[in-house]
Protein backbone atom coordinates (compact mmCIF):
# COMPACT_ATOMS: atom_id res chain seq x y z
CA MET A 1 7.51 -14.39 16.32
CA LYS A 2 8.36 -15.01 12.68
CA ASP A 3 5.10 -13.87 11.07
CA ALA A 4 2.69 -11.22 12.32
CA ILE A 5 -0.16 -12.45 10.10
CA VAL A 6 -0.76 -15.90 8.63
CA LEU A 7 -3.67 -16.85 6.37
CA ARG A 8 -4.17 -20.50 5.40
CA ASP A 9 -6.59 -21.37 2.57
CA VAL A 10 -8.99 -18.56 3.50
CA THR A 11 -12.23 -18.21 1.59
CA LYS A 12 -14.99 -15.64 2.07
CA ARG A 13 -18.25 -15.66 0.12
CA PHE A 14 -21.10 -13.18 -0.05
CA GLY A 15 -24.00 -15.22 -1.39
CA PRO A 16 -22.87 -16.79 -4.67
CA VAL A 17 -19.86 -14.45 -4.99
CA SER A 18 -16.43 -15.52 -3.71
CA ALA A 19 -14.77 -12.31 -2.57
CA VAL A 20 -11.64 -14.21 -1.49
CA SER A 21 -10.75 -17.71 -2.68
CA ASN A 22 -8.29 -20.12 -1.00
CA LEU A 23 -5.95 -17.32 0.02
CA SER A 24 -2.72 -18.17 1.84
CA LEU A 25 -0.09 -15.62 2.81
CA ALA A 26 2.35 -14.76 5.57
CA VAL A 27 3.29 -11.22 6.65
CA PRO A 28 6.76 -11.19 8.28
CA ALA A 29 6.89 -9.50 11.68
CA GLY A 30 8.53 -6.07 11.58
CA SER A 31 8.03 -5.62 7.83
CA ILE A 32 6.18 -3.08 5.69
CA TYR A 33 3.84 -5.23 3.63
CA GLY A 34 1.90 -3.75 0.71
CA PHE A 35 -1.59 -4.87 -0.30
CA ILE A 36 -2.39 -3.94 -3.89
CA GLY A 37 -5.15 -4.78 -6.32
CA PRO A 38 -7.96 -3.17 -8.35
CA ASN A 39 -11.14 -1.97 -6.68
CA GLY A 40 -13.37 -4.93 -5.89
CA SER A 41 -10.48 -7.39 -5.92
CA GLY A 42 -10.87 -8.54 -2.30
CA LYS A 43 -8.34 -6.29 -0.51
CA THR A 44 -10.79 -4.74 1.94
CA THR A 45 -12.48 -8.09 2.65
CA THR A 46 -9.07 -9.60 3.44
CA LEU A 47 -8.13 -6.73 5.75
CA ARG A 48 -11.47 -6.97 7.55
CA MET A 49 -10.94 -10.68 8.11
CA ILE A 50 -7.45 -10.01 9.49
CA MET A 51 -9.03 -7.55 11.94
CA HIS A 52 -11.84 -10.05 12.74
CA ILE A 53 -14.52 -7.65 11.52
CA LEU A 54 -15.49 -10.45 9.14
CA LEU A 55 -14.99 -14.16 9.74
CA PRO A 56 -13.85 -16.49 6.93
CA ASP A 57 -16.16 -19.20 5.63
CA HIS A 58 -13.18 -21.52 5.35
CA GLY A 59 -9.54 -21.51 6.43
CA GLU A 60 -7.52 -20.16 9.35
CA ILE A 61 -6.21 -16.72 10.27
CA GLU A 62 -3.51 -16.05 12.87
CA VAL A 63 -2.77 -12.50 14.03
CA LEU A 64 0.25 -11.90 16.26
CA GLY A 65 0.51 -15.62 16.91
CA SER A 66 -3.10 -16.17 17.96
CA ARG A 67 -6.29 -17.40 16.30
CA ASP A 68 -8.39 -15.96 19.14
CA THR A 69 -10.39 -13.04 17.76
CA ALA A 70 -9.91 -11.06 20.99
CA ALA A 71 -6.35 -12.04 21.92
CA ALA A 72 -4.50 -9.44 19.85
CA ARG A 73 -7.20 -6.75 19.69
CA ASP A 74 -5.35 -4.22 21.85
CA GLN A 75 -2.17 -4.70 19.81
CA VAL A 76 -3.75 -3.96 16.41
CA SER A 77 -4.63 -0.50 15.08
CA TYR A 78 -6.40 0.46 11.87
CA LEU A 79 -6.46 3.66 9.82
CA PRO A 80 -9.41 3.44 7.39
CA GLU A 81 -9.51 5.11 3.99
CA GLU A 82 -12.77 6.84 4.97
CA ARG A 83 -11.46 9.26 7.59
CA GLY A 84 -13.69 10.11 10.53
CA LEU A 85 -13.05 11.77 13.88
CA TYR A 86 -15.30 13.16 16.61
CA LYS A 87 -15.49 16.74 15.37
CA LYS A 88 -16.53 18.38 18.66
CA MET A 89 -13.71 16.80 20.67
CA THR A 90 -10.40 18.51 21.24
CA VAL A 91 -7.33 16.81 19.83
CA ARG A 92 -5.99 16.10 23.32
CA ARG A 93 -9.20 14.49 24.53
CA LEU A 94 -9.62 12.49 21.33
CA LEU A 95 -6.11 11.00 21.47
CA ARG A 96 -6.45 10.17 25.17
CA TYR A 97 -9.75 8.44 24.38
CA TYR A 98 -8.31 6.27 21.60
CA ALA A 99 -5.29 5.33 23.71
CA LYS A 100 -7.44 4.37 26.71
CA LEU A 101 -9.57 2.14 24.47
CA LYS A 102 -6.39 0.10 23.94
CA GLY A 103 -5.55 -0.03 27.64
CA CYS A 104 -2.88 2.68 27.81
CA ARG A 105 -2.25 4.67 31.03
CA ARG A 106 -2.60 8.46 31.32
CA PRO A 107 1.06 9.51 32.00
CA GLU A 108 2.25 7.30 29.15
CA ILE A 109 -0.44 8.67 26.83
CA ASP A 110 0.37 12.34 27.45
CA ALA A 111 4.10 11.82 26.89
CA ASP A 112 3.43 10.04 23.60
CA VAL A 113 0.91 12.68 22.49
CA ASP A 114 3.48 15.44 23.02
CA GLU A 115 6.10 13.48 21.07
CA TRP A 116 3.76 12.87 18.13
CA MET A 117 2.67 16.52 18.03
CA VAL A 118 6.30 17.49 17.43
CA ARG A 119 6.98 14.66 15.00
CA MET A 120 3.92 15.44 12.89
CA ASP A 121 4.50 19.21 12.97
CA LEU A 122 1.24 20.06 14.75
CA PRO A 123 2.15 22.88 17.15
CA GLY A 124 -0.59 24.43 19.27
CA VAL A 125 -3.48 22.19 18.19
CA LEU A 126 -4.00 20.01 21.29
CA ASP A 127 -6.78 22.19 22.71
CA ARG A 128 -8.46 22.89 19.38
CA THR A 129 -11.51 20.91 18.31
CA ILE A 130 -11.22 18.58 15.34
CA GLU A 131 -13.71 20.64 13.30
CA THR A 132 -11.36 23.67 13.36
CA LEU A 133 -8.45 21.79 11.78
CA SER A 134 -7.48 21.80 8.12
CA LYS A 135 -7.86 18.59 6.13
CA GLY A 136 -4.12 17.88 6.31
CA MET A 137 -4.05 18.44 10.07
CA SER A 138 -7.07 16.18 10.57
CA GLN A 139 -5.44 13.39 8.57
CA LYS A 140 -2.28 13.63 10.66
CA VAL A 141 -4.32 13.57 13.88
CA GLN A 142 -6.15 10.49 12.62
CA PHE A 143 -2.82 8.79 11.97
CA ILE A 144 -1.69 9.64 15.51
CA SER A 145 -4.94 8.18 16.85
CA ALA A 146 -3.99 4.89 15.16
CA VAL A 147 -0.45 4.77 16.57
CA ILE A 148 -0.86 6.37 20.01
CA SER A 149 -1.40 2.94 21.61
CA ARG A 150 1.97 1.69 20.28
CA PRO A 151 0.41 -1.15 18.26
CA ALA A 152 2.36 -4.25 17.30
CA LEU A 153 0.40 -4.36 14.02
CA LEU A 154 -0.65 -1.21 12.14
CA ILE A 155 -3.04 -1.54 9.20
CA LEU A 156 -3.31 1.48 6.90
CA ASP A 157 -5.85 1.82 4.07
CA GLU A 158 -4.70 4.39 1.48
CA PRO A 159 -2.77 6.39 4.12
CA PHE A 160 -1.41 9.00 1.67
CA SER A 161 -4.67 9.66 -0.16
CA GLY A 162 -5.42 13.37 -0.54
CA LEU A 163 -2.26 14.58 1.19
CA ASP A 164 -0.10 17.31 -0.32
CA PRO A 165 3.59 16.40 -0.91
CA VAL A 166 4.77 18.00 2.35
CA ASN A 167 2.25 16.18 4.55
CA ALA A 168 2.75 12.95 2.59
CA GLN A 169 6.47 13.17 3.40
CA VAL A 170 5.72 13.68 7.10
CA LEU A 171 3.38 10.68 7.15
CA LYS A 172 5.85 8.52 5.23
CA ASP A 173 8.54 9.27 7.82
CA ALA A 174 6.06 8.40 10.59
CA VAL A 175 5.29 5.03 9.00
CA LEU A 176 9.01 4.25 8.80
CA GLU A 177 9.39 5.29 12.43
CA MET A 178 6.70 2.78 13.44
CA ARG A 179 8.62 0.05 11.64
CA ARG A 180 11.85 1.11 13.41
CA ARG A 181 9.98 0.76 16.72
CA GLY A 182 9.21 -2.84 15.86
CA ALA A 183 5.67 -2.59 14.49
CA THR A 184 4.51 -4.56 11.49
CA VAL A 185 2.88 -2.22 8.96
CA VAL A 186 0.36 -3.42 6.39
CA PHE A 187 -0.93 -0.87 3.94
CA SER A 188 -3.36 -1.01 1.09
CA THR A 189 -2.64 1.43 -1.71
CA HIS A 190 -3.17 2.24 -5.37
CA ASP A 191 0.02 4.31 -5.41
CA MET A 192 2.43 1.88 -7.07
CA ASP A 193 5.39 4.26 -6.86
CA THR A 194 5.05 4.53 -3.07
CA ALA A 195 4.55 0.77 -2.77
CA GLU A 196 7.74 0.14 -4.79
CA LYS A 197 9.80 2.45 -2.61
CA MET A 198 8.45 1.60 0.84
CA CYS A 199 7.38 -2.04 0.99
CA ASP A 200 9.61 -4.93 1.99
CA ARG A 201 7.14 -7.31 0.38
CA LEU A 202 4.12 -6.88 -1.89
CA PHE A 203 0.93 -8.88 -2.24
CA MET A 204 -1.54 -8.45 -5.09
CA ILE A 205 -5.04 -9.89 -5.10
CA PHE A 206 -7.12 -10.00 -8.29
CA LYS A 207 -10.68 -11.33 -8.47
CA GLY A 208 -10.26 -12.78 -4.99
CA THR A 209 -7.12 -14.75 -5.82
CA LYS A 210 -3.49 -14.09 -4.96
CA VAL A 211 -1.53 -13.28 -8.12
CA LEU A 212 1.68 -11.75 -6.67
CA ASP A 213 3.48 -12.23 -3.36
CA GLY A 214 7.14 -11.42 -2.74
CA THR A 215 9.78 -8.74 -2.83
CA LEU A 216 9.78 -6.21 -5.67
CA HIS A 217 12.92 -7.86 -7.07
CA ASP A 218 11.29 -11.31 -7.04
CA ILE A 219 8.14 -9.99 -8.70
CA GLN A 220 10.07 -8.15 -11.42
CA GLU A 221 12.17 -11.27 -12.05
CA GLN A 222 8.99 -13.17 -12.88
CA TYR A 223 8.28 -10.73 -15.71
CA GLY A 224 11.82 -10.50 -17.09
CA ALA A 225 13.56 -7.56 -18.74
CA ASP A 226 11.12 -7.04 -21.60
CA THR A 227 10.67 -3.29 -21.13
CA VAL A 228 12.64 -0.52 -22.84
CA ARG A 229 12.54 3.13 -21.75
CA VAL A 230 13.11 5.45 -24.70
CA ARG A 231 13.23 9.16 -25.49
CA THR A 232 13.48 10.35 -29.05
CA THR A 233 13.13 13.54 -31.04
CA GLY A 234 10.12 12.02 -32.81
CA GLY A 235 8.03 11.29 -29.72
CA VAL A 236 5.47 8.53 -29.42
CA GLU A 237 4.39 8.74 -33.05
CA VAL A 238 7.58 7.09 -34.37
CA LEU A 239 6.79 3.89 -32.45
CA ALA A 240 3.69 3.13 -34.54
CA GLY A 241 4.13 0.07 -36.71
CA ILE A 242 7.46 -1.14 -35.30
CA PRO A 243 7.02 -4.94 -35.18
CA GLU A 244 8.77 -5.49 -31.83
CA VAL A 245 6.38 -3.17 -29.95
CA GLU A 246 3.77 -5.14 -28.00
CA SER A 247 2.45 -2.23 -25.93
CA LEU A 248 3.61 1.11 -24.61
CA ASN A 249 3.04 3.58 -21.81
CA ASP A 250 3.46 7.16 -23.03
CA PHE A 251 4.73 9.70 -20.46
CA GLY A 252 5.01 12.54 -23.00
CA GLN A 253 8.75 13.12 -22.96
CA MET A 254 9.57 9.43 -22.49
CA GLN A 255 7.91 6.12 -23.37
CA ASP A 256 8.06 2.70 -21.68
CA VAL A 257 7.79 0.06 -24.40
CA ARG A 258 7.07 -3.61 -23.79
CA LEU A 259 8.70 -5.72 -26.45
CA ARG A 260 7.68 -8.97 -28.09
CA GLY A 261 11.01 -9.40 -29.83
CA ASP A 262 14.71 -8.52 -29.63
CA ALA A 263 15.67 -5.17 -28.09
CA GLN A 264 18.51 -4.65 -30.58
CA ALA A 265 16.16 -5.18 -33.53
CA PHE A 266 13.78 -2.65 -31.99
CA LEU A 267 16.66 -0.17 -31.57
CA ALA A 268 17.66 -0.61 -35.20
CA HIS A 269 14.12 0.15 -36.37
CA LEU A 270 13.99 3.16 -34.07
CA ILE A 271 17.30 4.61 -35.28
CA ALA A 272 16.08 4.31 -38.85
CA ARG A 273 13.11 6.55 -38.01
CA THR A 274 14.38 9.15 -35.53
CA THR A 275 17.19 10.39 -33.31
CA VAL A 276 17.38 8.32 -30.11
CA LEU A 277 18.20 10.42 -27.03
CA HIS A 278 17.74 7.70 -24.39
CA PHE A 279 17.48 3.91 -24.63
CA GLU A 280 17.38 1.73 -21.53
CA VAL A 281 16.49 -1.95 -21.19
CA THR A 282 14.83 -2.32 -17.79
CA ARG A 283 12.54 -4.49 -15.72
CA PRO A 284 8.85 -3.56 -15.77
CA SER A 285 7.69 -1.27 -12.98
CA LEU A 286 5.15 -2.40 -10.42
CA GLN A 287 2.68 -0.07 -12.14
CA ASP A 288 3.25 -1.87 -15.44
CA ILE A 289 2.89 -5.31 -13.83
CA PHE A 290 -0.30 -4.20 -12.08
CA VAL A 291 -1.79 -2.97 -15.36
CA ARG A 292 -0.79 -6.18 -17.19
CA ILE A 293 -2.63 -8.31 -14.65
CA ALA A 294 -5.66 -6.07 -14.13
CA THR A 295 -6.35 -5.04 -17.76
CA PRO A 296 -9.03 -7.20 -19.41
CA ARG A 297 -7.58 -9.30 -22.22
CA GLU A 298 -9.10 -9.07 -25.66
CA SER A 299 -10.62 -12.31 -26.83
């Protein structure tokens, strides 16, 4: 199977509002595919159509090679952004329950549960109820509940939201492990740094329309090398009034500057004003590209 998900000219309306308009995309099987876009852009609507929670008004959707809404149901798992588990259930019972919903057998389930407990660093919690777990533990258990059935397609909505760095690292490794096992992973995120580092391909939807779709390299190539990363003794203030500066992103110690003119002319103006400690011509980051697309333009 070449593509795990295929959308062809998909449109979804809610009354007079088009949440998704003529959307076509293909998610390669075995890839990590990032969904990005501002709130209200159509990401969640698209994911719900892929999972057949919503049906499109127009167009076709194939999931794992089938257009049948029930055909791939047991092979698809979903981790929603709004976490929710049965608080009175023990972890063991909860994970068995979710696995059985997908048709898994008891001996297979228990072996996988034990493996995931070790992998996710959750010793001694199997017989505890969900309500006694910390937030980080609960989030890891919810992730396990999504993967315990060994899905062919795993859809994650903001999987790293609210996790501390240690638990985020554990979950990141688990996502990569699912890809190594052959699963296709789709995740929606606002964390552009994570998306840059993890995703094989990236898709951005804005106002219901696809605006980006490709590898990070391909996307950055579209925007050219118009960004300069600088650090000076004068800080951000010395950039005011330099004619080549179109916009900038100030990080305090360093600034990313988008140029409208020649980088060497900009450097000459900068040297005339301050001591330059770092000067690097680079491609715009995914964060910068996202902001360029999603920021309202002044009329």
